Protein backbone atom coordinates (compact mmCIF):
# COMPACT_ATOMS: atom_id res chain seq x y z
CA MET A 1 52.75 292.85 227.67
CA ILE A 2 55.20 291.49 225.11
CA LYS A 3 57.60 290.45 227.93
CA ARG A 4 54.81 288.65 229.70
CA LEU A 5 53.89 286.85 226.35
CA PHE A 6 57.48 285.80 225.86
CA GLY A 7 57.75 284.70 229.54
CA CYS A 8 54.59 282.41 229.01
CA ILE A 9 55.89 281.02 225.81
CA PHE A 10 59.22 280.29 227.53
CA LEU A 11 57.53 278.58 230.52
CA LEU A 12 55.38 276.57 228.16
CA ALA A 13 58.30 275.49 226.20
CA LEU A 14 59.91 274.30 229.36
CA ALA A 15 56.79 272.31 230.32
CA ILE A 16 56.64 270.46 226.98
CA PRO A 17 59.21 267.77 226.61
CA ALA A 18 61.38 268.15 223.57
CA SER A 19 60.82 265.34 221.04
CA ALA A 20 64.25 264.30 220.02
CA ALA A 21 64.87 263.62 216.31
CA PHE A 22 65.47 260.04 215.32
CA ASP A 23 69.25 259.74 214.78
CA ILE A 24 71.88 257.15 213.89
CA GLY A 25 72.78 256.56 217.51
CA GLN A 26 69.11 255.68 218.33
CA LEU A 27 68.90 253.41 215.29
CA MET A 28 72.06 251.60 216.11
CA GLY A 29 70.78 251.14 219.71
CA GLU A 30 67.65 249.51 218.49
CA LEU A 31 69.33 247.29 215.95
CA ALA A 32 71.88 246.10 218.69
CA LYS A 33 68.80 244.92 220.83
CA HIS A 34 67.93 242.45 218.04
CA LYS A 35 69.91 239.37 218.76
CA GLY A 36 68.96 237.44 215.60
CA GLY A 37 66.42 235.34 214.01
CA ARG A 38 65.26 233.61 210.80
CA ALA A 39 63.91 235.21 207.73
CA LYS A 40 62.85 234.39 204.21
CA PHE A 41 64.39 236.35 201.41
CA VAL A 42 63.90 237.26 197.77
CA GLU A 43 66.85 238.76 196.00
CA LYS A 44 66.72 240.39 192.59
CA LYS A 45 70.00 241.15 190.79
CA TYR A 46 69.72 243.64 188.00
CA LEU A 47 72.62 243.10 185.67
CA ALA A 48 73.28 245.32 182.60
CA ILE A 49 73.93 242.23 180.41
CA LEU A 50 70.58 240.72 181.15
CA ASP A 51 67.01 241.85 180.08
CA LYS A 52 65.33 240.46 183.25
CA PRO A 53 66.60 240.38 186.89
CA VAL A 54 67.98 237.11 188.29
CA VAL A 55 65.77 236.16 191.19
CA SER A 56 66.73 233.95 194.01
CA THR A 57 64.90 232.89 197.17
CA GLY A 58 65.77 231.18 200.40
CA GLU A 59 66.28 231.65 204.11
CA MET A 60 68.67 233.59 206.24
CA THR A 61 69.62 233.00 209.90
CA TYR A 62 71.40 235.77 211.87
CA THR A 63 72.95 235.28 215.29
CA ALA A 64 74.43 238.50 216.83
CA PRO A 65 77.04 239.78 216.48
CA ASP A 66 78.80 238.04 213.61
CA ARG A 67 77.16 234.88 212.38
CA LEU A 68 75.02 235.12 209.14
CA GLU A 69 73.85 232.21 207.07
CA LYS A 70 72.12 232.63 203.75
CA ARG A 71 70.62 229.51 202.23
CA THR A 72 69.59 229.94 198.60
CA LEU A 73 66.95 227.42 197.61
CA THR A 74 66.05 228.72 194.09
CA PRO A 75 67.14 228.87 191.32
CA LYS A 76 70.03 226.75 192.65
CA ILE A 77 70.88 225.53 196.08
CA GLU A 78 73.82 227.47 197.65
CA THR A 79 74.88 228.17 201.25
CA LEU A 80 76.87 231.13 202.33
CA LEU A 81 78.02 231.10 205.99
CA LEU A 82 79.71 234.08 207.51
CA ASP A 83 81.20 233.11 210.93
CA LYS A 84 83.32 236.04 212.24
CA ASP A 85 85.87 236.67 209.43
CA ILE A 86 85.46 233.37 207.61
CA LEU A 87 83.18 233.13 204.64
CA SER A 88 82.18 229.61 203.57
CA ILE A 89 80.54 228.90 200.28
CA GLU A 90 78.95 225.62 199.43
CA ARG A 91 77.50 225.13 195.90
CA GLU A 92 76.59 221.71 194.51
CA LYS A 93 79.48 219.53 195.70
CA GLN A 94 81.99 222.36 195.87
CA LYS A 95 83.08 224.03 199.14
CA LEU A 96 85.18 227.02 199.48
CA SER A 97 86.43 229.03 202.64
CA ILE A 98 87.70 232.62 202.52
CA ASN A 99 89.41 234.45 205.38
CA LEU A 100 88.07 237.90 204.84
CA ALA A 101 90.75 239.37 207.08
CA ASN A 102 92.99 238.87 204.06
CA GLN A 103 90.39 240.58 201.71
CA PRO A 104 89.93 244.12 203.20
CA GLU A 105 87.44 245.31 200.46
CA ALA A 106 85.36 242.18 200.73
CA LEU A 107 85.49 242.48 204.56
CA ALA A 108 84.17 246.08 204.27
CA PHE A 109 81.36 244.95 202.11
CA VAL A 110 80.39 242.18 204.62
CA ASP A 111 80.72 244.62 207.53
CA SER A 112 78.03 246.79 205.86
CA ILE A 113 75.66 243.88 206.45
CA ARG A 114 77.04 242.65 209.74
CA GLY A 115 77.45 246.13 211.16
CA THR A 116 73.93 247.14 210.33
CA LEU A 117 72.37 243.96 211.73
CA SER A 118 74.38 244.22 214.86
CA GLY A 119 74.06 247.93 215.38
CA ASN A 120 77.80 248.49 215.15
CA ARG A 121 78.15 252.10 214.23
CA ALA A 122 81.90 252.12 214.57
CA ALA A 123 82.29 249.16 212.17
CA LEU A 124 80.11 250.90 209.69
CA GLU A 125 81.84 254.32 210.05
CA LYS A 126 85.30 252.73 209.28
CA ASN A 127 84.37 252.45 205.53
CA TYR A 128 81.17 254.32 205.04
CA ALA A 129 79.42 257.74 205.60
CA LEU A 130 76.07 257.21 207.14
CA HIS A 131 72.90 259.16 206.25
CA LEU A 132 69.68 258.37 207.99
CA ALA A 133 66.14 259.37 207.01
CA GLY A 134 62.73 258.67 208.56
CA ASN A 135 61.76 257.75 212.03
CA ALA A 136 61.94 254.69 214.36
CA ASP A 137 58.87 253.11 212.74
CA LYS A 138 60.21 253.43 209.15
CA TRP A 139 63.82 254.38 208.34
CA VAL A 140 66.21 254.36 205.49
CA LEU A 141 69.99 254.21 206.26
CA THR A 142 72.29 254.97 203.26
CA LEU A 143 75.93 253.90 203.36
CA LEU A 144 78.30 255.84 201.11
CA PRO A 145 81.82 254.37 200.77
CA SER A 146 84.52 256.60 202.33
CA ASP A 147 87.37 254.48 200.92
CA GLN A 148 88.31 254.86 197.22
CA LYS A 149 88.92 251.10 196.84
CA ILE A 150 85.48 250.33 198.12
CA ALA A 151 83.87 253.08 196.10
CA SER A 152 85.40 251.53 192.99
CA MET A 153 83.11 248.50 193.60
CA VAL A 154 80.16 249.84 195.49
CA GLN A 155 78.51 253.17 194.77
CA ARG A 156 75.80 252.93 197.60
CA ILE A 157 74.17 250.61 200.01
CA THR A 158 70.65 251.54 201.13
CA VAL A 159 69.16 249.71 204.12
CA THR A 160 65.44 250.07 204.82
CA GLY A 161 63.76 248.93 208.01
CA ASN A 162 61.26 249.40 210.83
CA LYS A 163 62.09 249.52 214.48
CA ASN A 164 64.93 247.05 214.94
CA GLN A 165 64.15 245.00 211.80
CA VAL A 166 66.15 245.33 208.53
CA ARG A 167 63.62 244.70 205.65
CA VAL A 168 65.39 245.61 202.48
CA ILE A 169 69.10 245.85 201.55
CA GLU A 170 69.90 247.44 198.17
CA TYR A 171 73.41 247.40 196.64
CA LEU A 172 74.21 249.76 193.81
CA GLN A 173 77.56 248.63 192.26
CA ALA A 174 80.00 251.18 190.70
CA ASP A 175 79.30 249.64 187.40
CA GLY A 176 75.51 250.29 187.64
CA ASP A 177 74.43 246.79 188.44
CA ARG A 178 72.33 246.46 191.59
CA ALA A 179 70.82 243.91 193.91
CA VAL A 180 67.78 244.16 196.06
CA LEU A 181 67.37 241.84 198.98
CA ASN A 182 63.89 241.80 200.55
CA ILE A 183 63.87 240.22 204.01
CA ASP A 184 60.68 238.85 205.70
CA PRO A 185 61.26 237.64 209.31
CA ILE A 186 59.93 234.14 210.06
CA ASP A 187 60.33 234.58 213.78
CA ALA A 188 61.65 237.24 216.05
CA LYS A 189 63.97 236.66 218.97
């Protein structure tokens, strides 16, 4: 009787498809499908030296795999353009370009954003240990620096999203300051 019961359970188990747990590979695959778009953002920077967060708003445009533009409209107009490894900053009438290939720690930080948006797991794992929680509809990806130089600047990066959309990026710096970037897509491509 017991053998027969186990046999039935075994056959039943074979008939029911296994539901695979949501993992980093699946998340990266979904993110890689998103080829870009436009979004509004609200960024709050919590600095130990200030009583209230510094709030900025604007628009972001992403074109996979390596072009990201962040246009801050308030409190002051500023444009950051990341095109491959060149970061261009325009503020008031000043322009500055930085080749991030010569700044490995800065490039690792930028790659945390770019690697997540493009679903490039290898780029992320070069400098971070990845931890995923949730499911495809609502997930949280935590990036912990694996390199001591990066860890001396960034304690943790937490990215929250749903499906193939990044919605919130939170940076906790090693000194305790943090920034929270809320992203609201304008259109989806």
